[in-house]
C-alpha atoms as a PDB file:
ATOM      1  CA  MET A   1      -0.087   0.161   0.097  1.00  0.00           C
ATOM      2  CA  THR A   2       1.262   3.518  -0.773  1.00  0.00           C
ATOM      3  CA  ASN A   3       1.881   6.266   1.739  1.00  0.00           C
ATOM      4  CA  THR A   4      -0.884   8.258   0.465  1.00  0.00           C
ATOM      5  CA  PHE A   5      -3.343   5.312   1.103  1.00  0.00           C
ATOM      6  CA  LEU A   6      -2.126   4.881   4.370  1.00  0.00           C
ATOM      7  CA  SER A   7      -2.768   8.756   5.170  1.00  0.00           C
ATOM      8  CA  VAL A   8      -6.311   8.389   4.023  1.00  0.00           C
ATOM      9  CA  LEU A   9      -7.048   5.094   6.018  1.00  0.00           C
ATOM     10  CA  ALA A  10      -5.379   7.330   8.973  1.00  0.00           C
ATOM     11  CA  GLY A  11      -7.501  10.618   8.349  1.00  0.00           C
ATOM     12  CA  LEU A  12     -10.221   8.271   7.787  1.00  0.00           C
ATOM     13  CA  GLY A  13      -9.337   7.208  11.800  1.00  0.00           C
ATOM     14  CA  GLY A  14      -9.450  10.407  12.770  1.00  0.00           C
ATOM     15  CA  MET A  15     -12.681  11.359  11.354  1.00  0.00           C
ATOM     16  CA  LEU A  16     -14.350   8.312  12.913  1.00  0.00           C
ATOM     17  CA  GLY A  17     -12.666   8.506  16.628  1.00  0.00           C
ATOM     18  CA  TRP A  18     -12.681  12.354  16.572  1.00  0.00           C
ATOM     19  CA  GLY A  19     -16.320  12.869  15.158  1.00  0.00           C
ATOM     20  CA  THR A  20     -18.329  10.583  17.496  1.00  0.00           C
ATOM     21  CA  SER A  21     -16.139  11.549  20.800  1.00  0.00           C
ATOM     22  CA  ASP A  22     -16.526  15.522  19.837  1.00  0.00           C
ATOM     23  CA  PHE A  23     -20.633  13.946  20.181  1.00  0.00           C
ATOM     24  CA  PHE A  24     -20.554  12.559  23.693  1.00  0.00           C
ATOM     25  CA  ALA A  25     -18.228  15.373  24.662  1.00  0.00           C
ATOM     26  CA  GLY A  26     -20.635  17.841  23.763  1.00  0.00           C
ATOM     27  CA  LEU A  27     -23.371  16.199  25.909  1.00  0.00           C
ATOM     28  CA  SER A  28     -21.043  15.663  28.649  1.00  0.00           C
ATOM     29  CA  SER A  29     -19.873  19.068  29.018  1.00  0.00           C
ATOM     30  CA  LYS A  30     -23.310  20.262  29.140  1.00  0.00           C
ATOM     31  CA  LYS A  31     -23.912  17.908  32.166  1.00  0.00           C
ATOM     32  CA  VAL A  32     -20.430  18.677  34.033  1.00  0.00           C
ATOM     33  CA  GLY A  33     -18.787  21.291  32.891  1.00  0.00           C
ATOM     34  CA  HIS A  34     -16.085  21.214  30.025  1.00  0.00           C
ATOM     35  CA  LEU A  35     -12.782  20.955  32.336  1.00  0.00           C
ATOM     36  CA  LYS A  36     -13.806  17.424  34.360  1.00  0.00           C
ATOM     37  CA  THR A  37     -15.241  16.348  30.873  1.00  0.00           C
ATOM     38  CA  PHE A  38     -11.445  16.688  29.317  1.00  0.00           C
ATOM     39  CA  PHE A  39     -10.127  15.219  32.269  1.00  0.00           C
ATOM     40  CA  TRP A  40     -11.577  12.357  32.437  1.00  0.00           C
ATOM     41  CA  SER A  41     -11.646  11.610  28.938  1.00  0.00           C
ATOM     42  CA  GLN A  42      -7.779  12.349  28.726  1.00  0.00           C
ATOM     43  CA  LEU A  43      -7.234   9.883  31.689  1.00  0.00           C
ATOM     44  CA  ALA A  44      -9.564   7.004  29.770  1.00  0.00           C
ATOM     45  CA  GLY A  45      -7.593   7.987  26.423  1.00  0.00           C
ATOM     46  CA  LEU A  46      -4.602   7.581  27.877  1.00  0.00           C
ATOM     47  CA  VAL A  47      -5.327   4.129  29.719  1.00  0.00           C
ATOM     48  CA  SER A  48      -6.564   3.166  26.534  1.00  0.00           C
ATOM     49  CA  ALA A  49      -3.248   4.638  24.660  1.00  0.00           C
ATOM     50  CA  LEU A  50      -1.097   2.413  26.712  1.00  0.00           C
ATOM     51  CA  LEU A  51      -3.180  -0.659  25.909  1.00  0.00           C
ATOM     52  CA  LEU A  52      -1.785  -0.585  22.994  1.00  0.00           C
ATOM     53  CA  LEU A  53       1.973  -0.904  24.381  1.00  0.00           C
ATOM     54  CA  PHE A  54       0.798  -4.211  24.677  1.00  0.00           C
ATOM     55  CA  PHE A  55       0.632  -5.103  20.744  1.00  0.00           C
ATOM     56  CA  LEU A  56       2.701  -2.838  19.479  1.00  0.00           C
ATOM     57  CA  LYS A  57       6.762  -2.033  20.278  1.00  0.00           C
ATOM     58  CA  SER A  58       7.831   1.298  21.335  1.00  0.00           C
ATOM     59  CA  SER A  59      10.859   3.024  22.329  1.00  0.00           C
ATOM     60  CA  PHE A  60      10.174   6.032  24.652  1.00  0.00           C
ATOM     61  CA  ASN A  61      14.096   7.495  24.195  1.00  0.00           C
ATOM     62  CA  THR A  62      13.907  10.990  23.607  1.00  0.00           C
ATOM     63  CA  SER A  63      15.980  14.098  23.155  1.00  0.00           C
ATOM     64  CA  PHE A  64      16.186  17.396  25.239  1.00  0.00           C
ATOM     65  CA  LEU A  65      14.868  19.192  22.202  1.00  0.00           C
ATOM     66  CA  ILE A  66      11.512  16.902  21.448  1.00  0.00           C
ATOM     67  CA  PHE A  67      11.152  16.566  25.313  1.00  0.00           C
ATOM     68  CA  ILE A  68      10.741  20.246  25.181  1.00  0.00           C
ATOM     69  CA  LEU A  69       8.685  20.227  22.101  1.00  0.00           C
ATOM     70  CA  LEU A  70       6.335  17.528  23.844  1.00  0.00           C
ATOM     71  CA  ILE A  71       5.761  19.742  26.747  1.00  0.00           C
ATOM     72  CA  ILE A  72       4.547  22.911  24.568  1.00  0.00           C
ATOM     73  CA  ALA A  73       2.871  20.319  22.696  1.00  0.00           C
ATOM     74  CA  SER A  74       1.064  19.143  25.633  1.00  0.00           C
ATOM     75  CA  ILE A  75       0.142  22.894  26.931  1.00  0.00           C
ATOM     76  CA  PHE A  76      -1.265  23.764  23.535  1.00  0.00           C
ATOM     77  CA  TYR A  77      -3.595  20.579  23.056  1.00  0.00           C
ATOM     78  CA  THR A  78      -4.651  20.942  27.072  1.00  0.00           C
ATOM     79  CA  VAL A  79      -5.722  25.008  26.123  1.00  0.00           C
ATOM     80  CA  ALA A  80      -7.158  24.300  22.875  1.00  0.00           C
ATOM     81  CA  TYR A  81      -9.396  21.150  24.042  1.00  0.00           C
ATOM     82  CA  LEU A  82     -10.640  23.203  27.082  1.00  0.00           C
ATOM     83  CA  LEU A  83     -11.893  26.007  24.959  1.00  0.00           C
ATOM     84  CA  TYR A  84     -13.145  23.614  22.448  1.00  0.00           C
ATOM     85  CA  TYR A  85     -15.045  21.847  25.062  1.00  0.00           C
ATOM     86  CA  GLN A  86     -16.122  25.301  26.629  1.00  0.00           C
ATOM     87  CA  GLY A  87     -17.590  25.885  23.127  1.00  0.00           C
ATOM     88  CA  PHE A  88     -19.729  22.704  23.696  1.00  0.00           C
ATOM     89  CA  GLU A  89     -20.644  23.924  26.933  1.00  0.00           C
ATOM     90  CA  LEU A  90     -21.914  27.010  25.571  1.00  0.00           C
ATOM     91  CA  GLY A  91     -23.058  26.550  22.472  1.00  0.00           C
ATOM     92  CA  ASN A  92     -24.912  24.489  20.029  1.00  0.00           C
ATOM     93  CA  ILE A  93     -22.951  21.273  18.874  1.00  0.00           C
ATOM     94  CA  SER A  94     -23.589  21.371  15.414  1.00  0.00           C
ATOM     95  CA  ILE A  95     -22.339  24.580  15.143  1.00  0.00           C
ATOM     96  CA  ILE A  96     -19.127  24.430  17.481  1.00  0.00           C
ATOM     97  CA  SER A  97     -18.242  21.487  15.632  1.00  0.00           C
ATOM     98  CA  ALA A  98     -18.677  22.589  12.085  1.00  0.00           C
ATOM     99  CA  THR A  99     -16.499  26.084  12.911  1.00  0.00           C
ATOM    100  CA  MET A 100     -13.830  23.438  14.611  1.00  0.00           C
ATOM    101  CA  ASN A 101     -12.983  23.005  11.153  1.00  0.00           C
ATOM    102  CA  LEU A 102     -11.025  25.751  10.725  1.00  0.00           C
ATOM    103  CA  TRP A 103      -7.902  23.873  11.939  1.00  0.00           C
ATOM    104  CA  ALA A 104      -7.764  22.144   8.817  1.00  0.00           C
ATOM    105  CA  VAL A 105      -7.006  25.382   7.589  1.00  0.00           C
ATOM    106  CA  PHE A 106      -4.500  26.817  10.159  1.00  0.00           C
ATOM    107  CA  THR A 107      -2.755  23.486   9.929  1.00  0.00           C
ATOM    108  CA  MET A 108      -2.194  23.706   6.144  1.00  0.00           C
ATOM    109  CA  VAL A 109      -1.121  27.411   6.181  1.00  0.00           C
ATOM    110  CA  PHE A 110       1.368  26.833   9.352  1.00  0.00           C
ATOM    111  CA  ALA A 111       2.588  23.763   7.202  1.00  0.00           C
ATOM    112  CA  PHE A 112       2.921  25.948   4.199  1.00  0.00           C
ATOM    113  CA  LEU A 113       4.720  28.614   6.054  1.00  0.00           C
ATOM    114  CA  PHE A 114       7.321  26.389   8.397  1.00  0.00           C
ATOM    115  CA  LEU A 115       7.637  22.619   7.000  1.00  0.00           C
ATOM    116  CA  GLY A 116       7.724  23.631   3.204  1.00  0.00           C
ATOM    117  CA  GLN A 117       4.570  21.646   2.397  1.00  0.00           C
ATOM    118  CA  ARG A 118       2.578  23.176  -0.551  1.00  0.00           C
ATOM    119  CA  LEU A 119      -0.836  23.516  -1.201  1.00  0.00           C
ATOM    120  CA  SER A 120      -2.235  22.587  -4.672  1.00  0.00           C
ATOM    121  CA  SER A 121      -4.848  25.111  -6.421  1.00  0.00           C
ATOM    122  CA  GLN A 122      -7.661  22.478  -5.634  1.00  0.00           C
ATOM    123  CA  GLN A 123      -6.485  22.548  -1.930  1.00  0.00           C
ATOM    124  CA  THR A 124      -6.708  26.371  -1.800  1.00  0.00           C
ATOM    125  CA  LEU A 125      -9.589  26.694  -2.925  1.00  0.00           C
ATOM    126  CA  GLY A 126     -10.869  23.854  -0.355  1.00  0.00           C
ATOM    127  CA  ALA A 127      -9.588  25.824   2.213  1.00  0.00           C
ATOM    128  CA  SER A 128     -11.462  29.067   0.759  1.00  0.00           C
ATOM    129  CA  LEU A 129     -14.899  27.286   0.922  1.00  0.00           C
ATOM    130  CA  ILE A 130     -14.467  26.059   4.635  1.00  0.00           C
ATOM    131  CA  VAL A 131     -13.786  29.453   5.696  1.00  0.00           C
ATOM    132  CA  THR A 132     -16.808  30.812   4.052  1.00  0.00           C
ATOM    133  CA  GLY A 133     -18.964  27.747   5.421  1.00  0.00           C
ATOM    134  CA  ILE A 134     -17.968  28.293   8.659  1.00  0.00           C
ATOM    135  CA  THR A 135     -18.905  32.044   8.252  1.00  0.00           C
ATOM    136  CA  LEU A 136     -21.951  31.506   7.333  1.00  0.00           C
ATOM    137  CA  ALA A 137     -23.099  28.849   9.894  1.00  0.00           C
ATOM    138  CA  ALA A 138     -21.230  30.578  13.058  1.00  0.00           C
ATOM    139  CA  LEU A 139     -22.603  34.228  12.685  1.00  0.00           C
ATOM    140  CA  LYS A 140     -25.819  35.388  13.791  1.00  0.00           C
ATOM    141  CA  TRP A 141     -27.207  36.494  10.816  1.00  0.00           C
ATOM    142  CA  SER A 142     -30.301  38.085  12.800  1.00  0.00           C
ATOM    143  CA  ASP A 143     -28.487  40.416  14.267  1.00  0.00           C
ATOM    144  CA  PHE A 144     -28.124  41.968  10.485  1.00  0.00           C
ATOM    145  CA  LYS A 145     -31.603  43.748  10.769  1.00  0.00           C
ATOM    146  CA  LYS A 146     -29.975  45.563  14.111  1.00  0.00           C
ATOM    147  CA  GLN A 147     -26.872  46.525  12.178  1.00  0.00           C
ATOM    148  CA  LYS A 148     -24.921  44.752  14.180  1.00  0.00           C
ATOM    149  CA  ILE A 149     -22.846  41.464  13.735  1.00  0.00           C
ATOM    150  CA  SER A 150     -22.375  38.864  16.638  1.00  0.00           C
ATOM    151  CA  LEU A 151     -20.588  35.281  16.554  1.00  0.00           C
ATOM    152  CA  LEU A 152     -23.070  32.516  18.035  1.00  0.00           C
ATOM    153  CA  ALA A 153     -22.292  31.239  21.739  1.00  0.00           C
ATOM    154  CA  GLY A 154     -19.189  29.188  22.258  1.00  0.00           C
ATOM    155  CA  VAL A 155     -17.572  30.411  18.127  1.00  0.00           C
ATOM    156  CA  LYS A 156     -15.175  32.791  19.545  1.00  0.00           C
ATOM    157  CA  GLU A 157     -13.607  30.171  22.051  1.00  0.00           C
ATOM    158  CA  THR A 158     -13.551  27.725  18.888  1.00  0.00           C
ATOM    159  CA  VAL A 159     -11.862  29.474  16.698  1.00  0.00           C
ATOM    160  CA  PHE A 160      -8.934  30.070  19.081  1.00  0.00           C
ATOM    161  CA  SER A 161      -9.112  26.735  19.366  1.00  0.00           C
ATOM    162  CA  ALA A 162      -8.840  25.929  16.012  1.00  0.00           C
ATOM    163  CA  LEU A 163      -5.693  28.121  15.766  1.00  0.00           C
ATOM    164  CA  ILE A 164      -3.562  26.344  18.956  1.00  0.00           C
ATOM    165  CA  ILE A 165      -4.565  22.839  17.364  1.00  0.00           C
ATOM    166  CA  GLY A 166      -3.567  23.786  14.036  1.00  0.00           C
ATOM    167  CA  LEU A 167      -0.153  24.684  15.261  1.00  0.00           C
ATOM    168  CA  PHE A 168      -0.099  21.896  17.735  1.00  0.00           C
ATOM    169  CA  TRP A 169      -0.345  19.158  14.607  1.00  0.00           C
ATOM    170  CA  ASN A 170       2.382  20.557  12.865  1.00  0.00           C
ATOM    171  CA  MET A 171       4.599  20.107  15.989  1.00  0.00           C
ATOM    172  CA  SER A 172       3.031  16.576  16.796  1.00  0.00           C
ATOM    173  CA  GLN A 173       4.164  15.513  13.199  1.00  0.00           C
ATOM    174  CA  ILE A 174       7.784  16.459  13.876  1.00  0.00           C
ATOM    175  CA  ILE A 175       7.445  14.708  17.140  1.00  0.00           C
ATOM    176  CA  SER A 176       6.136  12.018  15.461  1.00  0.00           C
ATOM    177  CA  ALA A 177       8.804  11.112  12.799  1.00  0.00           C
ATOM    178  CA  LYS A 178      11.364  11.257  15.892  1.00  0.00           C
ATOM    179  CA  ILE A 179       9.752   9.182  18.340  1.00  0.00           C
ATOM    180  CA  GLY A 180       6.607   7.435  16.796  1.00  0.00           C
ATOM    181  CA  TRP A 181       3.116   7.872  17.294  1.00  0.00           C
ATOM    182  CA  ILE A 182       2.319   6.051  20.176  1.00  0.00           C
ATOM    183  CA  PRO A 183       5.157   7.465  22.574  1.00  0.00           C
ATOM    184  CA  THR A 184       3.696  11.278  20.889  1.00  0.00           C
ATOM    185  CA  THR A 185       0.470  10.341  21.984  1.00  0.00           C
ATOM    186  CA  ILE A 186       1.078   8.673  25.473  1.00  0.00           C
ATOM    187  CA  PHE A 187       3.466  11.663  26.487  1.00  0.00           C
ATOM    188  CA  VAL A 188       0.866  14.315  25.336  1.00  0.00           C
ATOM    189  CA  LYS A 189      -1.925  12.846  27.382  1.00  0.00           C
ATOM    190  CA  VAL A 190       0.378  12.641  30.794  1.00  0.00           C
ATOM    191  CA  GLY A 191       1.120  16.059  29.979  1.00  0.00           C
ATOM    192  CA  VAL A 192      -2.023  17.074  29.806  1.00  0.00           C
ATOM    193  CA  ILE A 193      -3.549  15.515  32.645  1.00  0.00           C
ATOM    194  CA  LEU A 194      -0.682  17.091  34.472  1.00  0.00           C
ATOM    195  CA  PHE A 195      -1.624  20.350  33.203  1.00  0.00           C
ATOM    196  CA  LEU A 196      -5.424  20.107  34.272  1.00  0.00           C
ATOM    197  CA  SER A 197      -4.379  18.909  37.630  1.00  0.00           C
ATOM    198  CA  ILE A 198      -2.133  21.864  38.553  1.00  0.00           C
ATOM    199  CA  PHE A 199      -4.799  23.909  36.638  1.00  0.00           C
ATOM    200  CA  SER A 200      -7.249  22.462  38.549  1.00  0.00           C
ATOM    201  CA  SER A 201      -5.426  23.305  42.117  1.00  0.00           C
ATOM    202  CA  PHE A 202      -4.653  26.799  41.331  1.00  0.00           C
ATOM    203  CA  THR A 203      -8.151  27.342  40.369  1.00  0.00           C
ATOM    204  CA  LYS A 204      -9.849  25.609  42.933  1.00  0.00           C
ATOM    205  CA  GLN A 205     -12.002  23.893  40.154  1.00  0.00           C
ATOM    206  CA  PRO A 206     -12.544  20.052  41.563  1.00  0.00           C
ATOM    207  CA  LEU A 207     -12.103  17.530  39.257  1.00  0.00           C
ATOM    208  CA  ASN A 208     -14.067  14.484  40.873  1.00  0.00           C
ATOM    209  CA  LEU A 209     -17.289  13.158  39.070  1.00  0.00           C
ATOM    210  CA  LYS A 210     -19.175  12.717  42.890  1.00  0.00           C
ATOM    211  CA  LYS A 211     -22.718  12.918  42.636  1.00  0.00           C
ATOM    212  CA  ILE A 212     -22.712  12.272  38.704  1.00  0.00           C
ATOM    213  CA  ASN A 213     -24.976   9.307  37.234  1.00  0.00           C
ATOM    214  CA  LYS A 214     -23.203   6.285  35.834  1.00  0.00           C
ATOM    215  CA  GLN A 215     -24.780   7.601  32.770  1.00  0.00           C
ATOM    216  CA  THR A 216     -23.037  10.697  32.492  1.00  0.00           C
ATOM    217  CA  LYS A 217     -19.530   9.217  33.624  1.00  0.00           C
ATOM    218  CA  PHE A 218     -19.809   6.746  30.888  1.00  0.00           C
ATOM    219  CA  LEU A 219     -20.231   9.421  28.094  1.00  0.00           C
ATOM    220  CA  VAL A 220     -16.832  11.197  29.655  1.00  0.00           C
ATOM    221  CA  ILE A 221     -15.123   7.589  29.481  1.00  0.00           C
ATOM    222  CA  LEU A 222     -16.762   6.746  26.015  1.00  0.00           C
ATOM    223  CA  THR A 223     -15.693  10.181  25.201  1.00  0.00           C
ATOM    224  CA  GLY A 224     -11.813   9.383  26.197  1.00  0.00           C
ATOM    225  CA  ILE A 225     -11.977   6.127  24.178  1.00  0.00           C
ATOM    226  CA  LEU A 226     -12.794   7.854  20.772  1.00  0.00           C
ATOM    227  CA  GLU A 227     -10.642  10.791  21.184  1.00  0.00           C
ATOM    228  CA  ALA A 228      -7.657   8.651  21.527  1.00  0.00           C
ATOM    229  CA  ILE A 229      -8.110   6.652  19.130  1.00  0.00           C
ATOM    230  CA  GLY A 230      -8.871   9.307  16.915  1.00  0.00           C
ATOM    231  CA  ILE A 231      -5.550  11.194  17.955  1.00  0.00           C
ATOM    232  CA  ALA A 232      -3.502   7.718  17.696  1.00  0.00           C
ATOM    233  CA  SER A 233      -4.698   7.272  14.147  1.00  0.00           C
ATOM    234  CA  VAL A 234      -3.691  10.671  13.026  1.00  0.00           C
ATOM    235  CA  ASN A 235      -0.185  10.567  15.028  1.00  0.00           C
ATOM    236  CA  TRP A 236       0.139   7.106  13.087  1.00  0.00           C
ATOM    237  CA  GLY A 237      -0.849   8.936   9.718  1.00  0.00           C
ATOM    238  CA  LEU A 238       1.705  11.814  10.374  1.00  0.00           C
ATOM    239  CA  THR A 239       4.660   9.173  10.599  1.00  0.00           C
ATOM    240  CA  ILE A 240       4.035   7.653   7.264  1.00  0.00           C
ATOM    241  CA  GLY A 241       2.369  10.610   5.454  1.00  0.00           C
ATOM    242  CA  ASP A 242       2.184  14.087   5.115  1.00  0.00           C
ATOM    243  CA  VAL A 243      -0.004  16.702   7.543  1.00  0.00           C
ATOM    244  CA  ILE A 244      -1.255  18.282   4.732  1.00  0.00           C
ATOM    245  CA  LEU A 245      -3.357  15.578   3.681  1.00  0.00           C
ATOM    246  CA  VAL A 246      -4.381  13.762   6.661  1.00  0.00           C
ATOM    247  CA  SER A 247      -5.058  16.671   8.367  1.00  0.00           C
ATOM    248  CA  PRO A 248      -8.129  17.435   5.579  1.00  0.00           C
ATOM    249  CA  ILE A 249      -9.619  14.187   5.898  1.00  0.00           C
ATOM    250  CA  SER A 250      -9.480  13.815   9.622  1.00  0.00           C
ATOM    251  CA  SER A 251     -11.174  17.119  10.114  1.00  0.00           C
ATOM    252  CA  ALA A 252     -14.398  15.902   7.867  1.00  0.00           C
ATOM    253  CA  LEU A 253     -15.098  14.494  11.627  1.00  0.00           C
ATOM    254  CA  SER A 254     -17.679  17.088  11.789  1.00  0.00           C
ATOM    255  CA  ILE A 255     -20.045  15.313   9.417  1.00  0.00           C
ATOM    256  CA  ILE A 256     -20.027  12.207  12.142  1.00  0.00           C
ATOM    257  CA  THR A 257     -20.611  15.248  15.164  1.00  0.00           C
ATOM    258  CA  ILE A 258     -23.464  17.082  13.143  1.00  0.00           C
ATOM    259  CA  THR A 259     -25.511  13.946  12.062  1.00  0.00           C
ATOM    260  CA  MET A 260     -25.577  12.715  15.220  1.00  0.00           C
ATOM    261  CA  ALA A 261     -26.190  16.063  16.738  1.00  0.00           C
ATOM    262  CA  ILE A 262     -29.275  16.083  14.642  1.00  0.00           C
ATOM    263  CA  ILE A 263     -30.275  12.941  14.991  1.00  0.00           C
ATOM    264  CA  PHE A 264     -29.977  12.050  18.870  1.00  0.00           C
ATOM    265  CA  ALA A 265     -29.827  15.345  20.180  1.00  0.00           C
ATOM    266  CA  LYS A 266     -32.416  16.876  18.065  1.00  0.00           C
ATOM    267  CA  GLU A 267     -30.549  19.854  17.426  1.00  0.00           C
ATOM    268  CA  LYS A 268     -32.182  22.449  15.104  1.00  0.00           C
ATOM    269  CA  ILE A 269     -29.997  24.712  12.510  1.00  0.00           C
ATOM    270  CA  THR A 270     -31.150  27.446  10.329  1.00  0.00           C
ATOM    271  CA  LYS A 271     -30.849  27.222   6.478  1.00  0.00           C
ATOM    272  CA  THR A 272     -28.017  29.588   6.458  1.00  0.00           C
ATOM    273  CA  GLN A 273     -26.019  27.290   8.790  1.00  0.00           C
ATOM    274  CA  ALA A 274     -27.098  24.051   7.051  1.00  0.00           C
ATOM    275  CA  LEU A 275     -25.572  25.920   3.664  1.00  0.00           C
ATOM    276  CA  GLY A 276     -22.441  27.027   6.139  1.00  0.00           C
ATOM    277  CA  ILE A 277     -21.824  23.190   6.785  1.00  0.00           C
ATOM    278  CA  LEU A 278     -23.003  21.744   3.836  1.00  0.00           C
ATOM    279  CA  VAL A 279     -20.220  24.296   1.911  1.00  0.00           C
ATOM    280  CA  THR A 280     -17.254  23.494   4.782  1.00  0.00           C
ATOM    281  CA  PHE A 281     -18.086  19.626   3.845  1.00  0.00           C
ATOM    282  CA  ALA A 282     -17.278  20.793   0.357  1.00  0.00           C
ATOM    283  CA  GLY A 283     -14.243  22.750   1.000  1.00  0.00           C
ATOM    284  CA  ILE A 284     -13.314  19.556   3.081  1.00  0.00           C
ATOM    285  CA  ILE A 285     -13.508  17.094   0.406  1.00  0.00           C
ATOM    286  CA  LEU A 286     -11.675  19.249  -2.130  1.00  0.00           C
ATOM    287  CA  THR A 287      -8.508  19.450   0.321  1.00  0.00           C
ATOM    288  CA  ALA A 288      -8.696  15.975   0.561  1.00  0.00           C
ATOM    289  CA  LEU A 289      -8.564  14.964  -2.815  1.00  0.00           C
END
């Protein structure tokens, strides 16, 4: 199998893993808050990632430079996902998920600027469509009648999250190429859990899930397992392919998330928002071809 084909498979793994985990993260965040959801889902994801060590051999030897990059990457991932899950807590799952597709655009831009990877004219068009679609989906168009423009709840947080995730994935490609995708996944999750513990201690926000029903606890754990599948698949793809190909395919995760939100959470979206989501999907497809 060619590297391109394997990159496509890795992107699809990320799409399915993240798409389903984001839906459950949205439900969990609204029930227990974004901080608890992220912490416990990351802990569940770490356990899932560690299980891979029973099937695949990995070396955890790393240089000082890579260790520093891992610390920075862990901080980026922590901040990005706290903002993303806060977006879920504040807003509509469908709109937040569609907005998060901006991470693919930011990832491609950073790959172009810093890693020397190049976009085709088709991928450039695709990235433009993603930005256009997200603009249609994320703005509160009813405010135009009042001669003002505002973002829907949670969108601002999600845009910042997408920017940071774009930086993270370019760093992750560099790290994965040096130490492998399994160590990268595990190191980042350990870093995330440590930083969340420190953050919780300083802000006096408890992380325990006391008085939380079993169904919600199950949702949080399931979120972590599925998210671990997504990040492991993409990290694996980065070791055998290019971030500029893997990222746009995996960013189609919103197709899964939005479909689940409309079917199971009974979310409603306007015609303009639906058009924006469809344009975003078209952009994702173009960048992946």
